[in-house]
């Protein structure tokens, strides 16, 4: 009997199955510094202990997306080691801040299955939950991933696709407890624009571009302990459809979030991801650009210091966003690689 882990194939999953993922991960200041080195995020709350303490935190929290990627990485060996592609996200909420010294672990439940028409792959839907060392839920989300079958002749399961809400209701967004953002330091943040200054329908070209380097992508996925073969193994991927390794979709999300600082500099917290789609593959050497549209804004119950903005960020490769390329009547404009719908929290006047 082999002692190595070949990963789960599509036929190994059952609706209702619970997967407890290995390797809890203690985050450190080194993780924070490496994440900033990889993506260049400049949000002041995650960069400065002094800014964070002024807002009521004991210290600067870990970037929300770094915590997300760490939890995501825990799930890969059990869910997407044999993935063709990660397809999307929904109903993701960030429920508690994560700090250096916190230990994150993850558990997932299979909530849906659908075999593809080619009979060689299928889509697996899971709800994954990340907890800290106090067993408090810090992140909870749904994702769906296309996974290879071990045996094409294996009978297809009964199709069971979960019904998912279009967006997280604003009343379910969680603002960090015991914090206060009135008088947020706008010199430190580098942006004068607060929640009150944004309006639904507004579009923002984030202007800057960031080229993905192979070494940076490899380092980032290792940082998250993401072991998906499509990201690491050029020997196998060189014989595949694209002939090269795919960039982890979360890498593009983090680049787009970092780029969004130019125009959304006070969007200090990600509160939820309503939905996300990796439209086309991205590879090392591609330059990522991004633009955002304000879809909605909402007040938060019991908070006059913070408001929520629902943002749709479109990322492109090798295509500046001055013309706001994005969804068409059918499909997407050429060059679009990411369509991400999410809620951010921003200080109010």
Protein backbone atom coordinates (compact mmCIF):
# COMPACT_ATOMS: atom_id res chain seq x y z
CA UNK A 1 0.00 0.00 0.00
CA UNK A 2 1.36 3.40 -0.95
CA UNK A 3 2.10 5.86 1.83
CA UNK A 4 1.92 8.90 -0.44
CA UNK A 5 -1.13 11.07 -1.02
CA UNK A 6 -2.35 10.98 -4.63
CA UNK A 7 -5.11 13.48 -3.84
CA UNK A 8 -8.82 12.96 -4.29
CA UNK A 9 -10.29 12.50 -7.75
CA UNK A 10 -13.82 13.47 -8.68
CA UNK A 11 -15.31 10.05 -7.91
CA UNK A 12 -13.83 10.14 -4.38
CA UNK A 13 -16.13 12.99 -3.31
CA UNK A 14 -19.60 12.51 -1.79
CA UNK A 15 -22.14 15.18 -0.91
CA UNK A 16 -22.07 15.66 2.87
CA UNK A 17 -18.48 14.44 3.16
CA UNK A 18 -16.41 16.34 5.76
CA UNK A 19 -12.69 16.88 5.20
CA UNK A 20 -10.46 17.97 8.07
CA UNK A 21 -7.36 19.48 6.53
CA UNK A 22 -3.81 18.99 7.77
CA UNK A 23 -1.07 21.39 8.82
CA UNK A 24 -2.35 24.23 11.02
CA UNK A 25 -0.39 27.38 10.22
CA UNK A 26 0.85 29.98 12.68
CA UNK A 27 1.17 33.36 10.98
CA UNK A 28 4.07 35.67 11.80
CA UNK A 29 5.32 39.15 11.01
CA UNK A 30 7.54 37.44 8.44
CA UNK A 31 4.43 36.24 6.58
CA UNK A 32 3.07 39.77 6.55
CA UNK A 33 6.34 41.22 5.23
CA UNK A 34 6.65 38.55 2.55
CA UNK A 35 3.06 39.10 1.44
CA UNK A 36 3.69 42.83 1.08
CA UNK A 37 6.91 42.13 -0.80
CA UNK A 38 5.05 39.88 -3.23
CA UNK A 39 2.05 42.11 -3.91
CA UNK A 40 2.97 45.62 -2.78
CA UNK A 41 -0.22 46.19 -0.80
CA UNK A 42 -0.20 49.65 0.82
CA UNK A 43 -3.33 49.77 2.98
CA UNK A 44 -2.31 51.60 6.14
CA UNK A 45 -4.29 49.49 8.61
CA UNK A 46 -2.31 46.36 7.64
CA UNK A 47 0.96 48.27 7.35
CA UNK A 48 1.14 50.26 10.59
CA UNK A 49 0.70 49.20 14.20
CA UNK A 50 0.19 52.86 15.11
CA UNK A 51 -2.67 53.31 12.65
CA UNK A 52 -4.22 50.07 13.87
CA UNK A 53 -3.94 50.99 17.56
CA UNK A 54 -5.57 54.35 16.86
CA UNK A 55 -8.52 52.38 15.45
CA UNK A 56 -8.76 50.16 18.53
CA UNK A 57 -6.75 47.11 17.46
CA UNK A 58 -4.03 45.71 19.71
CA UNK A 59 -1.72 45.67 16.66
CA UNK A 60 -1.94 45.74 12.90
CA UNK A 61 -4.04 42.83 11.56
CA UNK A 62 -2.88 40.43 8.87
CA UNK A 63 -4.16 41.30 5.40
CA UNK A 64 -7.58 39.69 4.94
CA UNK A 65 -6.58 38.04 1.68
CA UNK A 66 -3.40 36.58 3.18
CA UNK A 67 -5.58 34.88 5.81
CA UNK A 68 -7.91 33.72 3.02
CA UNK A 69 -5.04 32.22 1.01
CA UNK A 70 -3.64 30.43 4.06
CA UNK A 71 -7.02 28.81 4.74
CA UNK A 72 -7.44 28.05 1.03
CA UNK A 73 -4.00 26.44 0.91
CA UNK A 74 -4.94 24.03 3.71
CA UNK A 75 -7.78 22.68 1.55
CA UNK A 76 -5.77 22.01 -1.62
CA UNK A 77 -4.28 18.56 -0.83
CA UNK A 78 -7.76 17.16 -0.14
CA UNK A 79 -9.88 19.08 -2.65
CA UNK A 80 -7.92 20.42 -5.59
CA UNK A 81 -4.65 18.48 -5.84
CA UNK A 82 -6.02 16.97 -9.04
CA UNK A 83 -7.81 20.10 -10.19
CA UNK A 84 -7.96 21.32 -13.75
CA UNK A 85 -8.97 24.79 -12.54
CA UNK A 86 -10.49 26.59 -9.61
CA UNK A 87 -13.71 28.05 -11.03
CA UNK A 88 -15.21 30.45 -8.53
CA UNK A 89 -16.11 31.63 -5.03
CA UNK A 90 -19.31 32.68 -3.27
CA UNK A 91 -20.76 33.52 0.13
CA UNK A 92 -17.37 34.29 1.66
CA UNK A 93 -17.37 36.25 4.91
CA UNK A 94 -14.45 37.54 6.95
CA UNK A 95 -15.68 37.22 10.52
CA UNK A 96 -12.72 38.01 12.80
CA UNK A 97 -9.38 39.74 12.29
CA UNK A 98 -6.24 37.61 12.18
CA UNK A 99 -3.04 38.78 13.88
CA UNK A 100 0.57 37.64 13.85
CA UNK A 101 0.76 34.75 16.31
CA UNK A 102 -2.67 33.35 15.39
CA UNK A 103 -2.83 29.76 14.15
CA UNK A 104 -5.25 28.97 11.33
CA UNK A 105 -6.73 25.59 10.49
CA UNK A 106 -9.43 24.54 8.02
CA UNK A 107 -12.27 22.09 7.53
CA UNK A 108 -14.45 21.61 4.42
CA UNK A 109 -17.79 20.01 3.62
CA UNK A 110 -18.75 18.82 0.15
CA UNK A 111 -22.05 20.53 -0.72
CA UNK A 112 -22.45 19.69 -4.40
CA UNK A 113 -21.23 17.56 -7.33
CA UNK A 114 -21.73 17.73 -11.09
CA UNK A 115 -19.95 15.58 -13.65
CA UNK A 116 -18.98 17.37 -16.85
CA UNK A 117 -20.22 16.22 -20.25
CA UNK A 118 -16.77 14.97 -21.26
CA UNK A 119 -16.96 12.32 -18.54
CA UNK A 120 -13.33 12.99 -17.67
CA UNK A 121 -13.84 15.74 -15.08
CA UNK A 122 -16.43 17.05 -12.68
CA UNK A 123 -17.15 20.08 -10.55
CA UNK A 124 -16.91 19.78 -6.76
CA UNK A 125 -18.61 22.39 -4.55
CA UNK A 126 -17.29 22.79 -1.00
CA UNK A 127 -17.86 25.07 1.96
CA UNK A 128 -14.57 25.70 3.75
CA UNK A 129 -14.20 27.19 7.20
CA UNK A 130 -11.04 28.66 8.71
CA UNK A 131 -10.64 28.81 12.48
CA UNK A 132 -8.07 30.33 14.81
CA UNK A 133 -6.44 28.69 17.82
CA UNK A 134 -9.46 29.64 19.98
CA UNK A 135 -11.72 27.67 17.60
CA UNK A 136 -13.29 30.96 16.47
CA UNK A 137 -14.41 31.07 12.83
CA UNK A 138 -12.40 33.73 11.03
CA UNK A 139 -13.33 32.93 7.39
CA UNK A 140 -16.16 30.93 5.83
CA UNK A 141 -16.64 30.52 2.08
CA UNK A 142 -17.89 28.37 -0.79
CA UNK A 143 -15.80 27.50 -3.81
CA UNK A 144 -16.18 25.19 -6.78
CA UNK A 145 -13.38 23.47 -8.60
CA UNK A 146 -13.06 21.27 -11.70
CA UNK A 147 -11.39 18.00 -10.72
CA UNK A 148 -10.11 15.16 -12.91
CA UNK A 149 -11.65 11.70 -12.69
CA UNK A 150 -9.40 8.76 -11.95
CA UNK A 151 -11.51 6.50 -14.16
CA UNK A 152 -13.59 7.99 -16.96
CA UNK A 153 -15.84 4.91 -16.88
CA UNK A 154 -16.81 5.44 -13.24
CA UNK A 155 -20.56 6.16 -13.01
CA UNK A 156 -21.54 9.80 -12.68
CA UNK A 157 -23.02 10.86 -9.34
CA UNK A 158 -26.46 12.38 -9.08
CA UNK A 159 -26.08 16.03 -10.05
CA UNK A 160 -26.44 18.22 -6.97
CA UNK A 161 -25.60 21.89 -7.51
CA UNK A 162 -26.11 24.08 -4.43
CA UNK A 163 -28.24 27.21 -4.61
CA UNK A 164 -26.06 30.18 -3.74
CA UNK A 165 -27.11 33.74 -3.03
CA UNK A 166 -26.02 36.36 -5.55
CA UNK A 167 -24.38 38.36 -2.79
CA UNK A 168 -23.83 38.44 0.95
CA UNK A 169 -26.56 40.64 2.44
CA UNK A 170 -25.04 43.80 3.90
CA UNK A 171 -26.79 43.10 7.22
CA UNK A 172 -24.61 39.98 7.55
CA UNK A 173 -21.33 41.86 7.20
CA UNK A 174 -19.25 41.82 10.37
CA UNK A 175 -17.29 44.89 11.43
CA UNK A 176 -14.39 44.20 13.82
CA UNK A 177 -15.54 44.48 17.43
CA UNK A 178 -14.12 47.13 19.77
CA UNK A 179 -12.79 49.25 16.94
CA UNK A 180 -13.47 52.89 16.08
CA UNK A 181 -12.60 54.54 12.76
CA UNK A 182 -13.84 58.09 13.31
CA UNK A 183 -11.00 60.48 12.58
CA UNK A 184 -9.11 57.85 10.58
CA UNK A 185 -5.66 59.20 9.67
CA UNK A 186 -5.98 60.22 6.02
CA UNK A 187 -2.38 61.41 5.78
CA UNK A 188 -1.22 57.97 6.82
CA UNK A 189 -3.57 56.28 4.35
CA UNK A 190 -2.57 58.57 1.49
CA UNK A 191 -6.16 59.06 0.32
CA UNK A 192 -8.68 61.81 1.19
CA UNK A 193 -11.68 59.80 -0.07
CA UNK A 194 -13.97 58.16 2.48
CA UNK A 195 -17.18 56.08 2.26
CA UNK A 196 -19.30 59.19 1.85
CA UNK A 197 -17.43 60.19 -1.32
CA UNK A 198 -18.33 57.10 -3.40
CA UNK A 199 -21.54 56.50 -5.35
CA UNK A 200 -23.03 53.41 -7.01
CA UNK A 201 -22.16 53.32 -10.69
CA UNK A 202 -18.82 55.07 -10.22
CA UNK A 203 -15.93 53.47 -12.13
CA UNK A 204 -12.29 53.75 -11.09
CA UNK A 205 -9.32 52.93 -13.30
CA UNK A 206 -6.57 51.86 -10.90
CA UNK A 207 -4.04 52.86 -13.58
CA UNK A 208 -1.02 50.86 -12.48
CA UNK A 209 0.06 47.48 -13.82
CA UNK A 210 2.04 44.67 -12.20
CA UNK A 211 3.92 42.00 -14.13
CA UNK A 212 3.80 38.48 -12.70
CA UNK A 213 7.18 36.84 -12.29
CA UNK A 214 7.49 33.05 -12.19
CA UNK A 215 9.61 33.09 -9.04
CA UNK A 216 7.19 35.39 -7.21
CA UNK A 217 4.22 33.21 -8.05
CA UNK A 218 6.05 30.09 -6.90
CA UNK A 219 7.06 31.79 -3.66
CA UNK A 220 3.51 33.01 -3.02
CA UNK A 221 1.88 29.62 -3.51
CA UNK A 222 4.52 28.05 -1.27
CA UNK A 223 3.75 30.71 1.33
CA UNK A 224 0.16 29.43 1.38
CA UNK A 225 1.30 25.76 1.21
CA UNK A 226 -0.83 25.44 -1.91
CA UNK A 227 0.29 22.18 -3.56
CA UNK A 228 -1.95 22.12 -6.65
CA UNK A 229 0.00 20.45 -9.46
CA UNK A 230 -1.13 22.95 -12.08
CA UNK A 231 0.93 25.64 -10.30
CA UNK A 232 4.11 23.71 -9.51
CA UNK A 233 4.87 20.88 -11.88
CA UNK A 234 6.15 22.02 -15.26
CA UNK A 235 7.01 18.42 -16.17
CA UNK A 236 3.34 17.43 -16.15
CA UNK A 237 1.87 20.79 -17.17
CA UNK A 238 4.26 20.99 -20.11
CA UNK A 239 2.35 18.05 -21.56
CA UNK A 240 -1.02 19.59 -20.82
CA UNK A 241 -3.40 21.94 -22.58
CA UNK A 242 -1.37 25.13 -22.11
CA UNK A 243 2.13 23.70 -22.01
CA UNK A 244 2.99 25.65 -18.86
CA UNK A 245 2.00 26.18 -15.26
CA UNK A 246 -1.07 28.24 -14.43
CA UNK A 247 -0.87 31.19 -12.10
CA UNK A 248 -2.94 30.54 -8.96
CA UNK A 249 -6.16 32.56 -9.26
CA UNK A 250 -5.72 33.96 -5.77
CA UNK A 251 -2.44 35.50 -6.92
CA UNK A 252 -4.40 37.59 -9.41
CA UNK A 253 -6.95 38.50 -6.72
CA UNK A 254 -4.19 39.77 -4.42
CA UNK A 255 -2.56 41.74 -7.24
CA UNK A 256 -5.91 43.31 -8.14
CA UNK A 257 -6.58 44.18 -4.50
CA UNK A 258 -3.13 45.76 -4.17
CA UNK A 259 -3.63 47.73 -7.40
CA UNK A 260 -7.03 48.94 -6.17
CA UNK A 261 -5.29 51.00 -3.49
CA UNK A 262 -4.95 53.70 -6.16
CA UNK A 263 -8.54 54.90 -6.01
CA UNK A 264 -9.76 52.91 -2.99
CA UNK A 265 -6.98 53.73 -0.55
CA UNK A 266 -9.26 53.77 2.51
CA UNK A 267 -11.00 50.45 1.70
CA UNK A 268 -9.11 49.05 4.65
CA UNK A 269 -11.01 45.78 5.20
CA UNK A 270 -12.45 43.08 2.97
CA UNK A 271 -15.73 42.04 4.61
CA UNK A 272 -17.06 39.51 2.10
CA UNK A 273 -16.56 38.00 -1.35
CA UNK A 274 -19.94 37.72 -3.08
CA UNK A 275 -18.66 35.89 -6.11
CA UNK A 276 -15.60 35.50 -8.21
CA UNK A 277 -14.76 34.07 -11.58
CA UNK A 278 -11.37 33.33 -13.10
CA UNK A 279 -12.30 34.12 -16.68
CA UNK A 280 -9.16 32.97 -18.50
CA UNK A 281 -5.79 31.56 -17.42
CA UNK A 282 -2.91 33.79 -16.48
CA UNK A 283 0.79 32.98 -16.90
CA UNK A 284 4.15 34.30 -15.77
CA UNK A 285 5.14 37.31 -17.84
CA UNK A 286 1.59 38.67 -18.05
CA UNK A 287 1.03 42.20 -16.73
CA UNK A 288 -2.08 42.59 -14.58
CA UNK A 289 -4.20 45.77 -14.61
CA UNK A 290 -7.46 46.41 -12.75
CA UNK A 291 -10.48 48.67 -12.61
CA UNK A 292 -13.42 48.75 -10.21
CA UNK A 293 -17.07 49.73 -10.21
CA UNK A 294 -19.04 50.68 -7.10
CA UNK A 295 -22.12 48.44 -7.23
CA UNK A 296 -23.75 49.47 -3.97
CA UNK A 297 -23.13 51.07 -0.61
CA UNK A 298 -24.63 50.31 2.78
CA UNK A 299 -24.59 51.50 6.34
CA UNK A 300 -23.64 49.03 9.06
CA UNK A 301 -25.96 48.38 12.00
CA UNK A 302 -24.65 50.10 15.09
CA UNK A 303 -21.69 51.70 13.33
CA UNK A 304 -21.46 55.31 12.25
CA UNK A 305 -17.68 55.16 11.80
CA UNK A 306 -17.63 52.53 9.04
CA UNK A 307 -19.65 51.95 5.90
CA UNK A 308 -19.70 49.18 3.33
CA UNK A 309 -19.05 49.48 -0.39
CA UNK A 310 -19.90 46.65 -2.77
CA UNK A 311 -17.15 46.63 -5.36
CA UNK A 312 -16.76 44.77 -8.62
CA UNK A 313 -13.12 44.58 -9.67
CA UNK A 314 -12.18 43.46 -13.17
CA UNK A 315 -8.57 42.43 -13.77
CA UNK A 316 -7.00 42.13 -17.19
CA UNK A 317 -3.73 40.82 -18.58
CA UNK A 318 -1.60 42.90 -20.92
CA UNK A 319 -4.48 45.34 -21.36
CA UNK A 320 -4.62 48.74 -19.58
CA UNK A 321 -8.08 49.48 -18.22
CA UNK A 322 -8.69 53.04 -19.41
CA UNK A 323 -11.61 51.81 -21.55
CA UNK A 324 -13.04 49.69 -18.70
CA UNK A 325 -13.05 46.35 -20.54
CA UNK A 326 -15.23 43.75 -18.93
CA UNK A 327 -18.40 41.72 -19.32
CA UNK A 328 -20.12 41.73 -22.70
CA UNK A 329 -23.63 40.60 -23.60
CA UNK A 330 -22.10 37.16 -23.94
CA UNK A 331 -18.76 36.44 -22.29
CA UNK A 332 -16.01 38.93 -21.57
CA UNK A 333 -13.77 41.29 -23.48
CA UNK A 334 -10.52 39.74 -24.60
CA UNK A 335 -7.84 40.06 -21.94
CA UNK A 336 -10.14 39.90 -18.91
CA UNK A 337 -8.84 37.36 -16.39
CA UNK A 338 -10.80 38.06 -13.19
CA UNK A 339 -14.29 39.25 -12.27
CA UNK A 340 -14.55 39.71 -8.50
CA UNK A 341 -17.59 41.00 -6.58
CA UNK A 342 -16.89 41.84 -2.92
CA UNK A 343 -17.72 44.08 0.01
CA UNK A 344 -15.14 46.36 1.60
CA UNK A 345 -15.41 48.41 4.77
CA UNK A 346 -14.30 52.03 4.70
CA UNK A 347 -14.18 54.79 7.34
CA UNK A 348 -16.94 57.43 7.23
CA UNK A 349 -16.76 61.17 7.82
